[in-house]
N, C-alpha and C. Protein backbone atom coordinates (compact mmCIF):
# COMPACT_ATOMS: atom_id res chain seq x y z
N UNK A 1 7.93 -23.43 7.26
CA UNK A 1 7.04 -22.80 6.31
C UNK A 1 5.76 -23.96 7.18
N UNK A 2 4.83 -23.62 6.97
CA UNK A 2 3.51 -24.00 7.17
C UNK A 2 2.77 -24.81 6.18
N UNK A 3 2.72 -25.95 6.58
CA UNK A 3 1.88 -26.85 5.62
C UNK A 3 0.98 -27.56 6.20
N UNK A 4 -0.10 -27.54 6.04
CA UNK A 4 -1.22 -28.57 6.47
C UNK A 4 -1.89 -29.11 5.37
N UNK A 5 -2.24 -30.15 6.33
CA UNK A 5 -2.64 -31.24 4.85
C UNK A 5 -4.61 -31.01 5.05
N UNK A 6 -4.69 -30.94 3.50
CA UNK A 6 -6.03 -30.50 3.31
C UNK A 6 -7.15 -31.72 2.50
N UNK A 7 -8.20 -31.71 3.08
CA UNK A 7 -9.11 -32.69 2.98
C UNK A 7 -9.07 -32.66 1.25
N UNK A 8 -9.30 -34.05 0.47
CA UNK A 8 -9.53 -34.05 -1.13
C UNK A 8 -10.56 -32.93 -1.66
N UNK A 9 -11.70 -33.34 -0.47
CA UNK A 9 -13.17 -32.86 -0.92
C UNK A 9 -12.82 -30.86 -0.62
N UNK A 10 -12.29 -30.85 0.32
CA UNK A 10 -11.55 -29.31 0.47
C UNK A 10 -11.31 -28.86 -0.53
N UNK A 11 -9.90 -29.77 -0.84
CA UNK A 11 -8.99 -29.21 -2.24
C UNK A 11 -10.19 -29.07 -3.39
N UNK A 12 -11.25 -29.94 -3.66
CA UNK A 12 -11.52 -29.83 -4.60
C UNK A 12 -12.75 -28.64 -4.95
N UNK A 13 -13.02 -28.52 -3.95
CA UNK A 13 -14.17 -27.20 -3.77
C UNK A 13 -13.29 -25.88 -4.43
N UNK A 14 -11.95 -25.56 -3.35
CA UNK A 14 -11.20 -24.70 -3.43
C UNK A 14 -11.01 -24.27 -5.45
N UNK A 15 -10.62 -25.65 -5.92
CA UNK A 15 -10.17 -25.84 -7.16
C UNK A 15 -10.95 -25.18 -8.15
N UNK A 16 -12.50 -25.57 -7.86
CA UNK A 16 -13.54 -25.07 -8.38
C UNK A 16 -14.16 -24.04 -8.18
N UNK A 17 -14.06 -22.86 -7.27
CA UNK A 17 -14.17 -22.12 -6.96
C UNK A 17 -14.03 -20.75 -7.56
N UNK A 18 -14.79 -19.99 -8.33
CA UNK A 18 -14.34 -18.61 -8.86
C UNK A 18 -14.11 -17.70 -8.80
N UNK A 19 -14.11 -17.62 -7.17
CA UNK A 19 -13.56 -16.27 -6.58
C UNK A 19 -12.27 -16.43 -7.04
N UNK A 20 -11.43 -17.32 -7.44
CA UNK A 20 -9.51 -17.59 -7.45
C UNK A 20 -9.68 -17.58 -8.90
N UNK A 21 -8.28 -17.08 -9.18
CA UNK A 21 -8.04 -17.59 -10.32
C UNK A 21 -6.29 -18.23 -9.95
N UNK A 22 -5.92 -19.00 -11.03
CA UNK A 22 -4.49 -20.04 -10.80
C UNK A 22 -3.81 -20.01 -12.06
N UNK A 23 -2.59 -19.67 -10.96
CA UNK A 23 -1.21 -19.53 -11.49
C UNK A 23 -0.61 -20.84 -11.46
N UNK A 24 0.45 -20.80 -12.38
CA UNK A 24 1.62 -22.15 -12.20
C UNK A 24 2.81 -21.83 -10.60
N UNK A 25 3.09 -22.59 -10.37
CA UNK A 25 4.27 -22.14 -8.90
C UNK A 25 5.37 -22.19 -10.25
N UNK A 26 6.11 -21.13 -10.28
CA UNK A 26 7.36 -21.42 -11.47
C UNK A 26 8.72 -21.67 -9.96
N UNK A 27 9.27 -22.56 -10.38
CA UNK A 27 10.43 -22.67 -10.07
C UNK A 27 11.38 -21.54 -10.20
N UNK A 28 11.75 -20.70 -9.16
CA UNK A 28 12.67 -19.47 -9.18
C UNK A 28 12.78 -18.66 -8.20
N UNK A 29 13.52 -17.60 -7.81
CA UNK A 29 13.65 -16.87 -6.77
C UNK A 29 12.66 -15.79 -6.85
N UNK A 30 12.12 -15.48 -5.39
CA UNK A 30 10.93 -14.55 -5.45
C UNK A 30 12.04 -13.24 -5.38
N UNK A 31 11.33 -12.03 -6.45
CA UNK A 31 12.21 -10.93 -6.44
C UNK A 31 11.07 -9.74 -6.35
N UNK A 32 11.72 -8.65 -5.77
CA UNK A 32 10.95 -7.37 -5.97
C UNK A 32 11.97 -6.46 -6.74
N UNK A 33 11.53 -5.79 -8.07
CA UNK A 33 11.95 -4.88 -9.03
C UNK A 33 11.29 -3.72 -8.54
N UNK A 34 12.14 -2.56 -8.45
CA UNK A 34 12.18 -1.34 -8.29
C UNK A 34 12.49 -0.56 -9.65
N UNK A 35 12.12 0.59 -10.53
CA UNK A 35 12.74 1.25 -11.32
C UNK A 35 12.16 2.90 -11.08
N UNK A 36 12.98 3.63 -10.82
CA UNK A 36 12.64 5.21 -10.39
C UNK A 36 13.71 5.61 -11.01
N UNK A 37 12.97 6.58 -11.96
CA UNK A 37 13.64 6.96 -13.07
C UNK A 37 14.57 6.64 -13.78
N UNK A 38 15.88 6.46 -14.00
CA UNK A 38 16.94 5.48 -14.94
C UNK A 38 17.29 4.30 -14.10
N UNK A 39 17.28 4.48 -12.43
CA UNK A 39 17.73 3.63 -11.73
C UNK A 39 16.61 2.28 -11.60
N UNK A 40 17.49 1.08 -11.65
CA UNK A 40 16.35 -0.22 -11.13
C UNK A 40 17.16 -1.01 -10.50
N UNK A 41 16.33 -1.04 -9.35
CA UNK A 41 17.19 -1.97 -8.07
C UNK A 41 16.45 -3.29 -8.22
N UNK A 42 16.74 -4.73 -7.64
CA UNK A 42 16.46 -6.15 -7.54
C UNK A 42 16.53 -6.25 -5.95
N UNK A 43 15.52 -6.65 -5.27
CA UNK A 43 15.81 -7.39 -3.99
C UNK A 43 15.37 -8.48 -3.93
N UNK A 44 16.17 -9.50 -3.31
CA UNK A 44 15.26 -10.79 -2.81
C UNK A 44 14.88 -10.71 -1.19
N UNK A 45 14.31 -11.57 -0.78
CA UNK A 45 14.25 -11.46 0.84
C UNK A 45 14.67 -10.83 1.59
N UNK A 46 14.29 -10.30 2.27
CA UNK A 46 14.34 -9.39 3.43
C UNK A 46 15.79 -8.46 3.18
N UNK A 47 15.20 -7.83 1.82
CA UNK A 47 15.84 -6.73 1.24
C UNK A 47 17.41 -6.55 1.15
N UNK A 48 17.65 -8.41 0.51
CA UNK A 48 19.16 -8.59 -0.43
C UNK A 48 19.09 -7.79 -0.82
N UNK A 49 19.70 -6.70 -1.56
CA UNK A 49 19.68 -5.97 -3.57
C UNK A 49 20.82 -7.19 -3.99
N UNK A 50 20.33 -7.53 -5.28
CA UNK A 50 21.05 -7.89 -6.04
C UNK A 50 20.94 -7.89 -7.43
N UNK A 51 20.73 -6.40 -7.38
CA UNK A 51 20.75 -5.39 -8.75
C UNK A 51 21.87 -6.15 -9.61
N UNK A 52 22.76 -5.97 -9.42
CA UNK A 52 24.47 -5.97 -10.45
C UNK A 52 24.57 -7.53 -10.70
N UNK A 53 24.03 -8.71 -10.40
CA UNK A 53 24.33 -9.82 -11.33
C UNK A 53 22.96 -10.10 -12.06
N UNK A 54 22.21 -9.02 -12.29
CA UNK A 54 21.33 -9.30 -13.52
C UNK A 54 21.08 -7.86 -14.35
N UNK A 55 21.91 -8.06 -14.76
CA UNK A 55 21.92 -6.74 -15.80
C UNK A 55 21.01 -6.87 -16.73
N UNK A 56 20.41 -7.78 -17.47
CA UNK A 56 19.51 -7.96 -18.57
C UNK A 56 18.12 -7.23 -17.82
N UNK A 57 18.16 -7.16 -16.80
CA UNK A 57 16.81 -6.74 -16.21
C UNK A 57 16.93 -4.99 -15.84
N UNK A 58 18.01 -4.24 -16.11
CA UNK A 58 17.99 -2.84 -15.59
C UNK A 58 17.08 -2.11 -17.12
N UNK A 59 16.82 -2.36 -18.24
CA UNK A 59 16.28 -2.14 -18.96
C UNK A 59 14.51 -2.55 -18.95
N UNK A 60 13.66 -1.93 -18.00
CA UNK A 60 12.46 -2.44 -17.56
C UNK A 60 11.35 -2.13 -18.70
N UNK A 61 10.50 -2.55 -19.35
CA UNK A 61 9.80 -2.40 -20.31
C UNK A 61 8.48 -1.57 -19.92
N UNK A 62 8.54 -0.75 -19.32
CA UNK A 62 7.48 -0.40 -18.88
C UNK A 62 7.77 1.37 -18.64
N UNK A 63 6.76 2.25 -19.12
CA UNK A 63 6.98 4.00 -19.12
C UNK A 63 6.28 4.14 -17.78
N UNK A 64 7.37 4.45 -16.84
CA UNK A 64 6.97 5.27 -15.83
C UNK A 64 7.72 4.63 -14.78
N UNK A 65 7.89 5.07 -13.54
CA UNK A 65 8.10 4.50 -12.33
C UNK A 65 7.79 2.60 -12.35
N UNK A 66 7.96 2.12 -11.61
CA UNK A 66 7.05 0.77 -10.87
C UNK A 66 8.05 -0.19 -10.18
N UNK A 67 6.93 -0.62 -9.59
CA UNK A 67 7.40 -1.41 -8.47
C UNK A 67 6.88 -2.69 -8.90
N UNK A 68 7.32 -3.77 -8.98
CA UNK A 68 7.15 -5.09 -9.45
C UNK A 68 6.83 -5.92 -8.52
N UNK A 69 6.33 -7.42 -8.73
CA UNK A 69 6.75 -8.54 -7.44
C UNK A 69 6.76 -9.89 -8.42
N UNK A 70 7.24 -10.44 -8.75
CA UNK A 70 7.70 -11.84 -9.08
C UNK A 70 8.72 -12.68 -9.12
N UNK A 71 8.94 -13.65 -9.80
CA UNK A 71 9.89 -14.73 -9.52
C UNK A 71 10.74 -14.48 -10.67
N UNK A 72 12.27 -14.73 -10.47
CA UNK A 72 13.35 -14.74 -11.28
C UNK A 72 13.76 -15.97 -11.69
N UNK A 73 13.60 -16.56 -12.94
CA UNK A 73 14.43 -17.95 -13.67
C UNK A 73 14.45 -17.91 -14.39
N UNK A 74 15.33 -18.96 -14.89
CA UNK A 74 15.75 -19.26 -16.11
C UNK A 74 15.17 -19.77 -16.86
N UNK A 75 14.84 -19.80 -17.98
CA UNK A 75 13.84 -20.41 -19.06
C UNK A 75 14.61 -21.26 -19.91
N UNK A 76 14.81 -22.39 -19.47
CA UNK A 76 15.74 -23.62 -20.51
C UNK A 76 15.28 -23.80 -22.13
N UNK A 77 15.66 -23.25 -22.89
CA UNK A 77 15.25 -22.97 -24.38
C UNK A 77 14.76 -24.69 -25.25
N UNK A 78 15.27 -25.59 -24.76
CA UNK A 78 15.28 -26.64 -25.11
C UNK A 78 13.32 -27.18 -24.88
N UNK A 79 13.22 -26.87 -23.48
CA UNK A 79 12.20 -27.72 -22.94
C UNK A 79 11.50 -26.50 -22.93
N UNK A 80 11.42 -25.27 -22.40
CA UNK A 80 10.38 -24.49 -21.73
C UNK A 80 10.39 -24.40 -20.19
N UNK A 81 11.15 -25.54 -19.63
CA UNK A 81 10.98 -25.66 -18.33
C UNK A 81 11.94 -24.17 -17.11
N UNK A 82 11.57 -23.94 -15.91
CA UNK A 82 12.07 -23.13 -15.50
C UNK A 82 13.40 -23.71 -14.62
N UNK A 83 14.07 -23.13 -14.30
CA UNK A 83 15.50 -23.72 -13.26
C UNK A 83 15.96 -22.62 -12.92
N UNK A 84 15.88 -22.60 -11.58
CA UNK A 84 16.14 -21.91 -10.29
C UNK A 84 17.76 -21.83 -10.27
N UNK A 85 18.43 -22.90 -9.93
CA UNK A 85 19.70 -23.25 -10.25
C UNK A 85 21.00 -21.79 -11.12
N UNK A 86 20.19 -21.95 -12.27
CA UNK A 86 20.56 -20.56 -12.91
C UNK A 86 20.93 -19.54 -12.03
N UNK A 87 19.93 -18.79 -11.48
CA UNK A 87 19.42 -17.56 -10.88
C UNK A 87 20.26 -17.93 -9.76
N UNK A 88 20.68 -18.95 -8.77
CA UNK A 88 21.69 -18.77 -7.96
C UNK A 88 22.54 -18.79 -8.13
N UNK A 89 23.10 -19.34 -8.85
CA UNK A 89 24.46 -19.75 -9.91
C UNK A 89 25.13 -18.31 -10.52
N UNK A 90 24.09 -17.51 -10.70
CA UNK A 90 25.01 -15.61 -11.07
C UNK A 90 25.21 -15.21 -9.59
N UNK A 91 24.88 -15.52 -8.33
CA UNK A 91 25.38 -14.95 -7.14
C UNK A 91 26.62 -15.56 -7.19
N UNK A 92 27.12 -16.24 -7.61
CA UNK A 92 28.44 -16.37 -7.30
C UNK A 92 29.52 -15.62 -8.29
N UNK A 93 29.00 -15.22 -9.49
CA UNK A 93 29.83 -14.38 -10.53
C UNK A 93 30.19 -13.30 -9.78
N UNK A 94 31.47 -13.21 -9.66
CA UNK A 94 32.70 -12.28 -9.18
C UNK A 94 33.02 -11.44 -9.75
N UNK A 95 33.31 -11.23 -11.22
CA UNK A 95 33.61 -10.37 -11.86
C UNK A 95 32.36 -9.92 -12.92
N UNK A 96 32.39 -8.38 -13.43
CA UNK A 96 31.38 -7.95 -14.17
C UNK A 96 31.54 -8.97 -15.82
N UNK A 97 32.95 -9.33 -16.12
CA UNK A 97 33.25 -10.43 -16.96
C UNK A 97 32.17 -11.37 -17.12
N UNK A 98 32.44 -12.43 -15.84
CA UNK A 98 31.62 -13.30 -15.74
C UNK A 98 30.24 -13.17 -15.47
N UNK A 99 29.25 -12.22 -15.13
CA UNK A 99 28.40 -11.39 -14.93
C UNK A 99 27.78 -11.71 -16.81
N UNK A 100 28.61 -10.84 -17.54
CA UNK A 100 28.09 -10.62 -18.89
C UNK A 100 27.94 -11.88 -19.46
N UNK A 101 29.13 -12.99 -19.38
CA UNK A 101 29.37 -14.19 -20.03
C UNK A 101 27.80 -14.84 -19.98
N UNK A 102 27.37 -14.85 -18.36
CA UNK A 102 26.15 -15.64 -18.05
C UNK A 102 25.07 -14.64 -18.83
N UNK A 103 24.81 -13.38 -18.75
CA UNK A 103 23.80 -12.80 -19.37
C UNK A 103 24.08 -13.50 -20.91
N UNK A 104 24.82 -13.72 -21.93
CA UNK A 104 24.67 -14.42 -23.13
C UNK A 104 24.43 -15.19 -23.17
N UNK A 105 25.06 -16.31 -22.15
CA UNK A 105 24.51 -18.09 -22.65
C UNK A 105 23.84 -18.31 -21.42
N UNK A 106 23.33 -17.47 -20.70
CA UNK A 106 22.11 -17.80 -19.79
C UNK A 106 21.31 -17.27 -19.24
N UNK A 107 20.46 -16.26 -19.81
CA UNK A 107 20.08 -15.11 -19.26
C UNK A 107 18.78 -15.33 -18.21
N UNK A 108 18.44 -15.04 -17.72
CA UNK A 108 16.99 -15.26 -16.61
C UNK A 108 16.06 -14.47 -17.20
N UNK A 109 14.85 -14.68 -16.67
CA UNK A 109 13.71 -13.99 -16.68
C UNK A 109 12.86 -13.73 -16.23
N UNK A 110 12.23 -12.35 -15.83
CA UNK A 110 11.63 -12.07 -14.60
C UNK A 110 9.92 -12.49 -14.73
N UNK A 111 9.44 -13.15 -14.06
CA UNK A 111 7.94 -13.35 -14.67
C UNK A 111 7.34 -12.74 -12.96
N UNK A 112 6.62 -12.25 -14.14
CA UNK A 112 5.96 -10.79 -12.88
C UNK A 112 4.36 -11.40 -12.65
N UNK A 113 4.35 -11.36 -11.25
CA UNK A 113 2.76 -11.72 -11.10
C UNK A 113 2.16 -10.64 -10.54
N UNK A 114 2.68 -9.57 -10.28
CA UNK A 114 1.88 -8.34 -9.49
C UNK A 114 2.97 -7.15 -9.62
N UNK A 115 1.95 -6.11 -9.34
CA UNK A 115 2.36 -4.22 -9.73
C UNK A 115 1.88 -3.91 -8.62
N UNK A 116 2.72 -3.50 -7.68
CA UNK A 116 2.56 -3.03 -6.51
C UNK A 116 2.25 -1.03 -6.40
N UNK A 117 3.44 -0.74 -7.57
CA UNK A 117 3.21 0.61 -7.74
C UNK A 117 3.53 1.21 -8.97
N UNK A 118 3.05 2.31 -9.43
CA UNK A 118 3.21 2.67 -11.29
C UNK A 118 2.71 4.00 -11.11
N UNK A 119 4.04 4.96 -11.28
CA UNK A 119 3.89 6.59 -11.75
C UNK A 119 3.32 6.93 -10.32
N UNK A 120 3.92 6.35 -9.12
CA UNK A 120 4.08 7.27 -8.58
C UNK A 120 2.12 7.09 -7.37
N UNK A 121 1.75 5.96 -7.89
CA UNK A 121 1.02 5.64 -7.52
C UNK A 121 0.64 4.28 -6.39
N UNK A 122 0.32 3.87 -5.27
CA UNK A 122 0.24 2.84 -4.57
C UNK A 122 -0.93 1.96 -5.10
N UNK A 123 -1.02 0.86 -5.61
CA UNK A 123 -1.71 0.13 -5.90
C UNK A 123 -2.06 -1.28 -5.23
N UNK A 124 -1.63 -1.31 -4.20
CA UNK A 124 -1.82 -2.61 -3.11
C UNK A 124 -3.50 -2.44 -2.60
N UNK A 125 -3.83 -1.29 -2.75
CA UNK A 125 -5.51 -1.48 -2.17
C UNK A 125 -6.23 -1.84 -3.33
N UNK A 126 -5.97 -2.10 -4.69
CA UNK A 126 -6.72 -2.12 -5.57
C UNK A 126 -7.01 -3.95 -5.43
N UNK A 127 -7.87 -4.58 -6.17
CA UNK A 127 -8.25 -6.01 -6.52
C UNK A 127 -7.22 -6.38 -6.91
N UNK A 128 -7.05 -7.73 -7.02
CA UNK A 128 -5.71 -8.37 -7.94
C UNK A 128 -6.21 -8.07 -9.21
N UNK A 129 -7.39 -8.46 -9.75
CA UNK A 129 -7.75 -8.63 -11.08
C UNK A 129 -7.58 -6.65 -11.68
N UNK A 130 -7.81 -5.98 -10.63
CA UNK A 130 -7.26 -4.96 -11.21
C UNK A 130 -5.88 -4.28 -11.22
N UNK A 131 -5.43 -4.45 -10.83
CA UNK A 131 -3.96 -4.89 -10.46
C UNK A 131 -3.33 -5.48 -11.60
N UNK A 132 -4.00 -6.66 -11.87
CA UNK A 132 -3.69 -7.40 -13.25
C UNK A 132 -3.90 -6.46 -14.89
N UNK A 133 -5.12 -6.20 -14.41
CA UNK A 133 -5.25 -5.36 -15.74
C UNK A 133 -4.34 -4.14 -15.79
N UNK A 134 -3.90 -3.39 -14.88
CA UNK A 134 -3.11 -2.23 -14.82
C UNK A 134 -1.84 -2.95 -15.58
N UNK A 135 -1.31 -4.20 -14.87
CA UNK A 135 0.02 -4.72 -15.81
C UNK A 135 -0.17 -5.36 -16.63
N UNK A 136 -0.91 -5.44 -16.96
CA UNK A 136 -1.50 -5.81 -18.69
C UNK A 136 -1.02 -4.63 -19.65
N UNK A 137 -1.63 -3.33 -19.15
CA UNK A 137 -1.67 -2.50 -20.07
C UNK A 137 -0.45 -1.54 -20.16
N UNK A 138 0.76 -1.69 -19.30
CA UNK A 138 1.77 -0.97 -18.94
C UNK A 138 3.19 -1.94 -19.31
N UNK A 139 3.11 -3.01 -18.85
CA UNK A 139 4.11 -4.25 -19.31
C UNK A 139 4.56 -4.10 -20.58
N UNK A 140 5.31 -4.11 -21.68
CA UNK A 140 5.73 -4.65 -22.78
C UNK A 140 6.49 -5.73 -22.45
N UNK A 141 6.06 -7.18 -22.96
CA UNK A 141 6.83 -8.05 -22.68
C UNK A 141 7.69 -8.59 -23.53
N UNK A 142 8.95 -8.98 -23.03
CA UNK A 142 10.22 -9.70 -24.03
C UNK A 142 10.46 -10.44 -23.41
N UNK A 143 12.17 -10.83 -24.08
CA UNK A 143 12.73 -12.17 -23.72
C UNK A 143 13.06 -12.01 -22.29
N UNK A 144 13.13 -10.51 -21.51
CA UNK A 144 13.18 -10.76 -20.03
C UNK A 144 12.64 -10.62 -19.01
N UNK A 145 11.55 -10.08 -19.86
CA UNK A 145 10.45 -9.88 -18.89
C UNK A 145 8.92 -10.68 -19.43
N UNK A 146 8.11 -10.92 -18.54
CA UNK A 146 6.86 -12.01 -19.22
C UNK A 146 6.19 -11.85 -17.79
N UNK A 147 4.68 -11.43 -17.99
CA UNK A 147 3.58 -11.59 -17.28
C UNK A 147 3.51 -12.86 -17.06
N UNK A 148 2.76 -13.52 -15.76
CA UNK A 148 2.75 -14.62 -15.64
C UNK A 148 1.14 -15.20 -16.39
N UNK A 149 0.98 -16.49 -16.56
CA UNK A 149 0.06 -16.80 -17.19
C UNK A 149 -1.03 -17.53 -16.39
N UNK A 150 -2.40 -17.73 -16.48
CA UNK A 150 -3.30 -18.30 -15.83
C UNK A 150 -3.15 -19.76 -16.44
N UNK A 151 -3.43 -20.71 -15.29
CA UNK A 151 -4.06 -22.02 -15.78
C UNK A 151 -5.10 -22.26 -16.05
N UNK A 152 -5.75 -23.65 -16.91
CA UNK A 152 -6.68 -23.70 -16.73
C UNK A 152 -6.68 -25.34 -16.52
N UNK A 153 -5.24 -25.90 -16.76
CA UNK A 153 -5.43 -27.26 -16.31
C UNK A 153 -4.73 -26.76 -15.12
N UNK A 154 -5.40 -27.68 -14.29
CA UNK A 154 -4.63 -27.52 -12.69
C UNK A 154 -3.85 -28.91 -11.84
N UNK A 155 -2.90 -29.25 -13.31
CA UNK A 155 -2.25 -30.53 -12.72
C UNK A 155 -0.93 -30.24 -12.17
N UNK A 156 0.18 -30.51 -10.97
CA UNK A 156 1.23 -29.75 -10.98
C UNK A 156 0.62 -28.99 -9.97
N UNK A 157 1.65 -28.01 -9.16
CA UNK A 157 1.18 -26.94 -8.41
C UNK A 157 0.72 -26.13 -8.72
N UNK A 158 -0.07 -25.31 -8.12
CA UNK A 158 -0.70 -24.28 -8.82
C UNK A 158 -0.58 -23.07 -7.16
N UNK A 159 -0.57 -22.05 -7.69
CA UNK A 159 -1.19 -20.89 -7.23
C UNK A 159 -2.44 -20.05 -6.95
N UNK A 160 -3.10 -20.83 -6.06
CA UNK A 160 -4.91 -20.15 -5.96
C UNK A 160 -4.83 -18.76 -5.57
N UNK A 161 -5.35 -17.58 -6.01
CA UNK A 161 -5.44 -16.45 -5.40
C UNK A 161 -6.56 -15.89 -5.81
N UNK A 162 -7.12 -14.94 -4.55
CA UNK A 162 -8.56 -14.76 -4.46
C UNK A 162 -8.62 -13.31 -5.51
N UNK A 163 -9.49 -13.70 -6.68
CA UNK A 163 -9.20 -12.36 -7.43
C UNK A 163 -9.85 -11.34 -6.76
N UNK A 164 -9.98 -10.83 -5.88
CA UNK A 164 -10.49 -9.54 -5.19
C UNK A 164 -9.47 -9.11 -3.54
N UNK A 165 -8.41 -10.00 -3.94
CA UNK A 165 -7.32 -10.06 -2.85
C UNK A 165 -6.41 -8.72 -2.81
N UNK A 166 -6.21 -7.45 -1.59
CA UNK A 166 -5.39 -6.84 -1.56
C UNK A 166 -3.91 -7.15 -1.38
N UNK A 167 -2.82 -6.40 -2.13
CA UNK A 167 -1.46 -6.64 -1.82
C UNK A 167 -0.88 -6.72 -0.51
N UNK A 168 -0.42 -7.53 0.07
CA UNK A 168 -0.06 -7.28 1.56
C UNK A 168 1.52 -7.92 1.58
N UNK A 169 2.09 -7.53 2.38
CA UNK A 169 3.42 -7.79 2.27
C UNK A 169 4.07 -9.31 3.35
N UNK A 170 3.15 -9.68 3.25
CA UNK A 170 2.90 -11.25 4.35
C UNK A 170 2.36 -12.43 4.03
N UNK A 171 2.26 -13.32 4.67
CA UNK A 171 1.28 -14.70 4.42
C UNK A 171 -0.22 -14.01 4.91
N UNK A 172 -1.09 -14.74 3.46
CA UNK A 172 -2.18 -14.24 3.82
C UNK A 172 -2.87 -15.56 2.75
N UNK A 173 -3.95 -15.88 3.46
CA UNK A 173 -5.12 -17.13 3.28
C UNK A 173 -5.46 -16.70 1.71
N UNK A 174 -5.19 -15.42 0.78
CA UNK A 174 -5.80 -15.13 -0.17
C UNK A 174 -4.94 -15.47 -1.02
N UNK A 175 -3.87 -15.90 -1.10
CA UNK A 175 -2.90 -16.34 -2.24
C UNK A 175 -2.40 -18.16 -1.50
N UNK A 176 -2.80 -18.98 -2.01
CA UNK A 176 -2.62 -20.51 -1.04
C UNK A 176 -1.86 -21.14 -2.30
N UNK A 177 -0.73 -21.96 -1.96
CA UNK A 177 -0.21 -23.06 -2.65
C UNK A 177 -0.76 -24.28 -2.71
N UNK A 178 -1.24 -24.82 -3.83
CA UNK A 178 -2.31 -26.34 -3.88
C UNK A 178 -0.72 -27.13 -4.66
N UNK A 179 -0.41 -28.20 -3.82
CA UNK A 179 0.56 -29.06 -3.95
C UNK A 179 -0.05 -30.26 -4.91
N UNK A 180 0.50 -31.38 -6.12
CA UNK A 180 0.13 -32.39 -5.95
C UNK A 180 -0.37 -33.41 -5.14
N UNK A 181 0.62 -33.57 -3.98
CA UNK A 181 0.16 -34.31 -3.04
C UNK A 181 -1.17 -33.66 -1.95
N UNK A 182 -1.74 -32.54 -2.50
CA UNK A 182 -3.32 -32.79 -1.54
C UNK A 182 -2.75 -31.78 -0.62
N UNK A 183 -1.39 -31.32 -0.53
CA UNK A 183 -1.31 -30.34 0.86
C UNK A 183 -1.44 -28.68 0.34
N UNK A 184 -1.78 -27.90 1.16
CA UNK A 184 -1.78 -26.31 1.39
C UNK A 184 -1.27 -25.71 2.00
N UNK A 185 -0.45 -24.44 1.75
CA UNK A 185 0.34 -23.59 1.61
C UNK A 185 -0.43 -22.44 1.89
N UNK A 186 -0.30 -21.54 2.59
CA UNK A 186 -0.33 -20.00 2.60
C UNK A 186 1.07 -19.69 1.89
N UNK A 187 0.80 -18.51 1.24
CA UNK A 187 2.41 -17.81 0.62
C UNK A 187 1.97 -16.15 0.53
N UNK A 188 3.21 -15.59 0.27
CA UNK A 188 2.58 -14.41 0.03
C UNK A 188 4.54 -13.75 -0.04
């Protein structure tokens, strides 16, 4: 992963730039979710399908076919903190019974930060803000599906995203991880 140090004055300018929106970095596993008709499928990096391990995500609260991009995580009830280990632990479940127990006692949440397709329409060429608006209007949040929130307090690791950015399936300078230690990393 490319990590380049950034001078603090440059970092401060980026944090104050109104061409960007800011989201918290979520501890979890990046996932693409597609729903076509009644079939829902989940994919990790490099098209590794993991649908069977996360049955709580099979009922997508969107009317119509959709493709969503986000982070799969477990939200710890007592603290509200994110726990990636539960997501990875689920992959070791060998039986349907183990998966059902995990859903009951340690459910995962899909924190969605982008919508790629909706009802047959490719949204990748829309600006980030237009895609966020579509996502806001079509997703009915529940225990398992949440939209990522914007942050005003930019302490901790945050992702700066250009408001006018198009969706690309590769690293981009339009989405930048800003870390506590002042480093910058392009993501996507």
